[in-house]
């Protein structure tokens, strides 16, 4: 069998072609493997759902990452790295190369998002917070309060107070109902644990009444270290059958009618949340109390105080008799400091 010899020019062309391929492969490997220039220790890039490789490359460049758009698009297309991309925040650290970056996108290695529910906020505030979070899936947007409660397994008729203030981490695209469920379970657990270690002879029928008291304490306390003393005042009043006379409860009952200032007519207008016209606790919590307020409600400081007045610096003056209280009010009012007396 005869083997045909290639003409010399074809042989030279074949060698050139092979060398070109090897050079291109070497260059491509160098480009993929070399560390990208990144400002600082790391940058974050937020990728929207459905974003393509070109859009992502543009965002990377805007964030200060030294990446060639057409190279990124080409390699991403060949490796199909962005076809199943998860939306969210990606953290790109110094030393990352294009191969690492594409692998990160391919795996959906996103940063977890977080939301902070502030102590003393209301359930209405909570719904607005979740609704404004773009990283959450808003499955409950059209749900009623009752639907949310049933979905998280609550037996209570109203949602106020039932969800724990805290900072919650979640994956981008998570359903808002999952956060509601976690916050409900956390608050339920806090109440149950605190109830087991409560002080003796408290005027609560159950943990829900303690939660109502905790919500009042949360709104009435100027300084964290005074929570248990504020709790003592309201517990002592309850034991004596005195009205609680707490302004935040009245304000909660007014709802949208509250104009930023309590008037005499507001204190005289009877409704279930007016603790000036009605004795005992309001029918539901008036805020989302935190762990410390719950602990204070169930373990008030053993003092005889029945009154307190704001000193004007965030702290309060506590008194055991009305005469002492009136003197304290008079003292702080004479200084020109606007006070809240209880």
Protein backbone atom coordinates (compact mmCIF):
# COMPACT_ATOMS: atom_id res chain seq x y z
CA UNK A 1 0.00 0.00 0.00
CA UNK A 2 1.42 3.37 -0.96
CA UNK A 3 1.16 6.32 1.48
CA UNK A 4 0.69 9.56 -0.32
CA UNK A 5 3.04 12.30 0.83
CA UNK A 6 1.51 15.66 1.54
CA UNK A 7 2.75 18.56 -0.51
CA UNK A 8 5.15 20.67 1.53
CA UNK A 9 2.84 23.70 1.57
CA UNK A 10 -0.02 21.61 3.03
CA UNK A 11 2.35 20.17 5.60
CA UNK A 12 3.44 23.65 6.61
CA UNK A 13 -0.20 24.78 6.74
CA UNK A 14 -1.12 21.85 8.99
CA UNK A 15 1.74 22.63 11.35
CA UNK A 16 0.74 26.29 11.44
CA UNK A 17 -2.85 25.33 12.13
CA UNK A 18 -1.84 23.07 15.02
CA UNK A 19 0.46 25.70 16.48
CA UNK A 20 -2.32 28.30 16.16
CA UNK A 21 -4.74 26.04 17.99
CA UNK A 22 -2.22 25.40 20.73
CA UNK A 23 -1.47 29.10 21.04
CA UNK A 24 -5.19 29.94 21.15
CA UNK A 25 -5.77 27.25 23.76
CA UNK A 26 -2.86 28.51 25.84
CA UNK A 27 -4.11 32.09 25.59
CA UNK A 28 -7.67 31.04 26.47
CA UNK A 29 -6.43 29.07 29.47
CA UNK A 30 -4.33 32.02 30.59
CA UNK A 31 -7.31 34.38 30.30
CA UNK A 32 -9.60 32.01 32.18
CA UNK A 33 -7.08 31.17 34.91
CA UNK A 34 -5.51 34.56 35.59
CA UNK A 35 -6.87 36.42 38.68
CA UNK A 36 -9.25 39.23 37.81
CA UNK A 37 -8.46 42.70 39.05
CA UNK A 38 -10.98 43.64 41.75
CA UNK A 39 -11.13 46.89 43.75
CA UNK A 40 -10.48 46.12 47.41
CA UNK A 41 -10.89 42.72 49.02
CA UNK A 42 -14.21 41.92 47.35
CA UNK A 43 -17.12 43.35 45.40
CA UNK A 44 -20.78 42.39 45.28
CA UNK A 45 -22.83 42.13 42.12
CA UNK A 46 -26.60 41.71 42.19
CA UNK A 47 -27.88 39.65 39.27
CA UNK A 48 -31.49 39.95 38.23
CA UNK A 49 -33.58 36.95 37.25
CA UNK A 50 -33.14 36.13 33.55
CA UNK A 51 -29.97 38.21 33.12
CA UNK A 52 -27.76 37.10 30.21
CA UNK A 53 -23.99 36.83 30.00
CA UNK A 54 -23.56 40.23 28.33
CA UNK A 55 -25.67 41.95 31.00
CA UNK A 56 -23.72 40.23 33.76
CA UNK A 57 -20.40 41.21 32.18
CA UNK A 58 -21.57 44.83 32.08
CA UNK A 59 -22.49 44.69 35.77
CA UNK A 60 -19.11 43.16 36.60
CA UNK A 61 -17.29 45.94 34.77
CA UNK A 62 -19.43 48.60 36.48
CA UNK A 63 -18.48 47.03 39.82
CA UNK A 64 -14.80 47.44 38.92
CA UNK A 65 -14.01 43.86 37.85
CA UNK A 66 -11.46 43.78 35.02
CA UNK A 67 -13.26 41.45 32.65
CA UNK A 68 -13.42 41.42 28.85
CA UNK A 69 -17.06 41.33 27.82
CA UNK A 70 -16.71 39.28 24.64
CA UNK A 71 -14.37 36.78 26.32
CA UNK A 72 -16.83 36.33 29.17
CA UNK A 73 -19.79 35.95 26.79
CA UNK A 74 -17.86 33.45 24.64
CA UNK A 75 -16.68 31.26 27.51
CA UNK A 76 -20.06 31.46 29.29
CA UNK A 77 -21.79 30.41 26.08
CA UNK A 78 -19.42 27.50 25.44
CA UNK A 79 -19.67 26.22 29.02
CA UNK A 80 -23.39 27.04 29.33
CA UNK A 81 -22.57 28.60 32.70
CA UNK A 82 -25.37 31.17 32.75
CA UNK A 83 -28.25 29.05 31.45
CA UNK A 84 -29.44 28.06 34.94
CA UNK A 85 -28.27 31.16 36.78
CA UNK A 86 -29.90 31.95 40.11
CA UNK A 87 -30.73 35.58 40.79
CA UNK A 88 -29.22 37.21 43.84
CA UNK A 89 -26.10 38.82 45.28
CA UNK A 90 -22.76 37.33 44.30
CA UNK A 91 -19.63 38.12 46.30
CA UNK A 92 -16.48 38.17 44.19
CA UNK A 93 -13.32 38.07 46.27
CA UNK A 94 -9.81 39.12 45.32
CA UNK A 95 -7.95 36.29 43.56
CA UNK A 96 -11.05 35.07 41.70
CA UNK A 97 -10.47 34.14 38.07
CA UNK A 98 -12.96 33.73 35.24
CA UNK A 99 -13.17 29.97 35.78
CA UNK A 100 -14.04 30.52 39.46
CA UNK A 101 -16.54 33.19 38.50
CA UNK A 102 -18.34 31.03 35.95
CA UNK A 103 -18.41 28.15 38.41
CA UNK A 104 -19.94 30.44 41.02
CA UNK A 105 -22.67 31.46 38.58
CA UNK A 106 -23.20 27.86 37.51
CA UNK A 107 -23.67 26.71 41.13
CA UNK A 108 -25.78 29.72 42.13
CA UNK A 109 -23.39 30.51 44.98
CA UNK A 110 -25.30 33.58 46.10
CA UNK A 111 -25.04 35.54 49.32
CA UNK A 112 -27.95 35.05 51.72
CA UNK A 113 -30.22 38.04 52.13
CA UNK A 114 -31.34 39.38 55.48
CA UNK A 115 -34.27 41.33 56.92
CA UNK A 116 -34.40 42.93 60.36
CA UNK A 117 -37.74 43.16 62.14
CA UNK A 118 -37.42 45.90 64.76
CA UNK A 119 -38.61 45.37 68.33
CA UNK A 120 -41.77 47.36 69.00
CA UNK A 121 -42.86 47.48 65.36
CA UNK A 122 -46.35 46.26 64.50
CA UNK A 123 -47.69 43.47 62.33
CA UNK A 124 -48.68 46.12 59.79
CA UNK A 125 -45.04 47.30 59.75
CA UNK A 126 -43.95 43.70 59.26
CA UNK A 127 -46.20 43.23 56.22
CA UNK A 128 -44.86 46.44 54.66
CA UNK A 129 -41.27 45.36 55.31
CA UNK A 130 -41.81 42.01 53.59
CA UNK A 131 -43.72 43.62 50.71
CA UNK A 132 -40.89 46.07 50.02
CA UNK A 133 -38.20 43.37 49.99
CA UNK A 134 -37.35 42.68 46.35
CA UNK A 135 -35.46 39.49 47.21
CA UNK A 136 -38.58 37.80 48.64
CA UNK A 137 -41.27 36.09 46.61
CA UNK A 138 -44.50 37.79 47.66
CA UNK A 139 -46.88 34.84 47.81
CA UNK A 140 -49.01 36.46 50.54
CA UNK A 141 -49.43 39.85 48.84
CA UNK A 142 -53.18 39.37 48.41
CA UNK A 143 -53.72 37.28 51.53
CA UNK A 144 -55.75 38.40 54.51
CA UNK A 145 -54.34 38.42 58.02
CA UNK A 146 -56.44 35.34 58.78
CA UNK A 147 -54.97 33.45 55.80
CA UNK A 148 -51.42 34.18 56.99
CA UNK A 149 -52.26 33.00 60.51
CA UNK A 150 -53.79 29.75 59.28
CA UNK A 151 -50.84 29.13 56.97
CA UNK A 152 -48.28 29.40 59.81
CA UNK A 153 -50.39 27.18 62.07
CA UNK A 154 -51.59 29.89 64.45
CA UNK A 155 -54.81 29.41 66.42
CA UNK A 156 -55.04 33.05 67.48
CA UNK A 157 -57.58 35.32 65.79
CA UNK A 158 -55.26 38.34 65.41
CA UNK A 159 -51.64 38.50 64.31
CA UNK A 160 -50.36 41.37 66.42
CA UNK A 161 -47.50 40.36 68.70
CA UNK A 162 -47.23 36.79 67.39
CA UNK A 163 -44.11 37.29 65.23
CA UNK A 164 -40.64 37.63 66.74
CA UNK A 165 -38.55 40.72 66.03
CA UNK A 166 -35.13 39.53 64.84
CA UNK A 167 -32.75 39.48 61.90
CA UNK A 168 -33.69 36.73 59.45
CA UNK A 169 -31.38 35.26 56.81
CA UNK A 170 -32.94 33.77 53.69
CA UNK A 171 -32.08 32.69 50.16
CA UNK A 172 -33.08 35.09 47.36
CA UNK A 173 -36.42 34.08 45.89
CA UNK A 174 -37.69 32.51 49.11
CA UNK A 175 -41.41 32.79 49.79
CA UNK A 176 -42.47 35.41 52.30
CA UNK A 177 -44.68 32.82 54.00
CA UNK A 178 -41.53 30.96 55.06
CA UNK A 179 -40.31 34.04 56.92
CA UNK A 180 -43.73 34.51 58.52
CA UNK A 181 -43.62 30.89 59.65
CA UNK A 182 -40.12 31.22 61.10
CA UNK A 183 -41.01 34.44 62.93
CA UNK A 184 -44.19 32.90 64.34
CA UNK A 185 -42.42 29.77 65.55
CA UNK A 186 -39.63 31.85 67.10
CA UNK A 187 -42.09 34.00 69.08
CA UNK A 188 -44.06 30.96 70.17
CA UNK A 189 -40.86 29.31 71.40
CA UNK A 190 -39.77 32.44 73.29
CA UNK A 191 -43.09 32.67 75.13
CA UNK A 192 -43.12 28.98 76.01
CA UNK A 193 -39.57 29.04 77.34
CA UNK A 194 -40.08 32.22 79.35
CA UNK A 195 -43.38 30.90 80.76
CA UNK A 196 -41.54 27.91 82.24
CA UNK A 197 -39.25 30.18 84.28
CA UNK A 198 -41.77 32.88 85.23
CA UNK A 199 -41.98 34.49 88.65
CA UNK A 200 -44.66 33.31 91.06
CA UNK A 201 -48.11 34.88 91.45
CA UNK A 202 -48.21 36.83 88.20
CA UNK A 203 -51.64 38.17 87.12
CA UNK A 204 -51.67 36.33 83.76
CA UNK A 205 -53.98 33.50 82.81
CA UNK A 206 -51.64 32.24 80.09
CA UNK A 207 -48.70 33.06 77.87
CA UNK A 208 -50.82 35.16 75.53
CA UNK A 209 -51.62 37.62 78.31
CA UNK A 210 -47.93 37.77 79.13
CA UNK A 211 -47.30 38.57 75.45
CA UNK A 212 -49.81 41.44 75.66
CA UNK A 213 -47.97 42.83 78.68
CA UNK A 214 -44.61 42.39 76.93
CA UNK A 215 -45.87 44.42 73.97
CA UNK A 216 -46.78 47.28 76.31
CA UNK A 217 -43.41 47.11 78.08
CA UNK A 218 -41.68 47.23 74.67
CA UNK A 219 -43.42 50.48 73.78
CA UNK A 220 -43.07 52.07 77.21
CA UNK A 221 -39.39 51.47 77.91
CA UNK A 222 -36.88 54.22 77.22
CA UNK A 223 -33.83 52.27 78.31
CA UNK A 224 -33.32 48.49 78.02
CA UNK A 225 -32.18 48.14 81.64
CA UNK A 226 -35.53 49.56 82.84
CA UNK A 227 -37.73 46.91 81.22
CA UNK A 228 -38.16 44.85 84.38
CA UNK A 229 -38.99 47.97 86.44
CA UNK A 230 -41.59 49.12 83.92
CA UNK A 231 -42.98 45.59 84.01
CA UNK A 232 -43.19 45.82 87.81
CA UNK A 233 -45.28 49.00 87.62
CA UNK A 234 -47.90 47.45 85.35
CA UNK A 235 -47.93 44.11 87.19
CA UNK A 236 -48.39 45.91 90.52
CA UNK A 237 -51.27 47.91 89.06
CA UNK A 238 -52.91 44.77 87.76
CA UNK A 239 -52.65 43.12 91.16
CA UNK A 240 -54.39 46.11 92.76
CA UNK A 241 -57.06 46.39 90.06
CA UNK A 242 -55.77 49.79 88.95
CA UNK A 243 -56.12 50.81 85.29
CA UNK A 244 -52.84 50.49 83.41
CA UNK A 245 -53.15 53.97 81.86
CA UNK A 246 -50.60 53.33 79.14
CA UNK A 247 -50.56 55.80 76.26
CA UNK A 248 -49.16 53.40 73.60
CA UNK A 249 -52.23 51.19 74.00
CA UNK A 250 -54.52 54.17 73.45
CA UNK A 251 -52.51 55.19 70.40
CA UNK A 252 -52.73 51.66 69.01
CA UNK A 253 -56.50 51.73 69.45
CA UNK A 254 -56.74 55.02 67.56
CA UNK A 255 -54.98 53.53 64.53
CA UNK A 256 -54.93 55.91 61.57
CA UNK A 257 -56.88 58.51 63.61
CA UNK A 258 -53.78 59.23 65.71
CA UNK A 259 -52.39 62.58 64.54
CA UNK A 260 -49.08 62.38 66.38
CA UNK A 261 -50.36 63.79 69.66
CA UNK A 262 -52.70 62.40 72.30
CA UNK A 263 -55.58 64.68 73.21
CA UNK A 264 -57.81 64.69 76.27
CA UNK A 265 -60.68 63.49 74.10
CA UNK A 266 -58.59 60.48 73.05
CA UNK A 267 -58.07 59.45 76.67
CA UNK A 268 -61.78 59.80 77.38
CA UNK A 269 -63.09 58.01 74.28
CA UNK A 270 -63.80 54.43 75.33
CA UNK A 271 -62.59 51.52 73.20
CA UNK A 272 -61.06 48.10 74.00
CA UNK A 273 -57.51 49.54 73.88
CA UNK A 274 -58.19 52.56 76.09
CA UNK A 275 -56.45 51.56 79.31
CA UNK A 276 -57.63 54.79 80.96
CA UNK A 277 -61.32 53.91 80.65
CA UNK A 278 -60.95 50.15 81.05
CA UNK A 279 -59.17 48.02 83.63
CA UNK A 280 -56.96 45.08 82.81
CA UNK A 281 -55.03 44.29 79.68
CA UNK A 282 -56.06 45.31 76.17
CA UNK A 283 -57.52 42.45 74.10
CA UNK A 284 -54.38 41.85 72.00
CA UNK A 285 -50.72 42.84 71.99
CA UNK A 286 -50.04 46.34 70.65
CA UNK A 287 -46.63 45.59 69.08
CA UNK A 288 -44.14 42.85 68.30
CA UNK A 289 -42.21 42.50 71.59
CA UNK A 290 -38.66 41.21 71.66
CA UNK A 291 -37.15 38.53 73.84
CA UNK A 292 -36.07 40.96 76.60
CA UNK A 293 -39.56 42.47 76.93
CA UNK A 294 -41.07 38.98 77.21
CA UNK A 295 -38.56 38.05 79.90
CA UNK A 296 -39.36 41.28 81.78
CA UNK A 297 -43.11 40.66 81.63
CA UNK A 298 -42.64 37.24 83.20
CA UNK A 299 -39.92 38.27 85.66
CA UNK A 300 -40.65 41.84 86.80
CA UNK A 301 -38.32 43.48 89.28
CA UNK A 302 -39.55 42.97 92.88
CA UNK A 303 -40.30 46.63 93.64
CA UNK A 304 -43.43 48.38 94.90
CA UNK A 305 -43.50 51.15 92.26
CA UNK A 306 -46.89 52.07 90.81
CA UNK A 307 -45.87 55.09 88.72
CA UNK A 308 -43.06 56.33 86.51
CA UNK A 309 -42.30 59.55 84.69
CA UNK A 310 -39.76 60.28 81.98
CA UNK A 311 -36.79 62.34 83.11
CA UNK A 312 -36.10 63.65 79.64
CA UNK A 313 -32.84 61.77 79.10
CA UNK A 314 -34.42 58.44 78.16
CA UNK A 315 -34.59 57.20 81.74
CA UNK A 316 -37.57 57.21 84.11
CA UNK A 317 -38.26 58.13 87.73
CA UNK A 318 -40.20 55.40 89.56
CA UNK A 319 -42.48 56.09 92.54
CA UNK A 320 -44.46 53.92 94.93
CA UNK A 321 -47.06 56.52 95.96
CA UNK A 322 -49.07 59.11 94.10
CA UNK A 323 -47.59 61.87 96.27
CA UNK A 324 -44.04 60.86 95.31
CA UNK A 325 -45.09 60.62 91.69
CA UNK A 326 -46.67 64.08 91.70
CA UNK A 327 -43.49 65.55 93.17
CA UNK A 328 -41.42 63.81 90.47
CA UNK A 329 -43.72 65.11 87.73
CA UNK A 330 -43.58 68.60 89.18
CA UNK A 331 -39.79 68.49 89.38
CA UNK A 332 -39.30 67.48 85.77
CA UNK A 333 -42.04 69.77 84.49
CA UNK A 334 -40.43 72.76 86.25
CA UNK A 335 -37.23 72.09 84.30
CA UNK A 336 -39.16 72.58 81.11
CA UNK A 337 -38.63 68.97 80.07
CA UNK A 338 -41.60 67.46 78.33
CA UNK A 339 -42.51 64.32 80.25
CA UNK A 340 -44.80 61.35 80.01
CA UNK A 341 -46.37 60.46 83.34
CA UNK A 342 -47.85 57.07 84.14
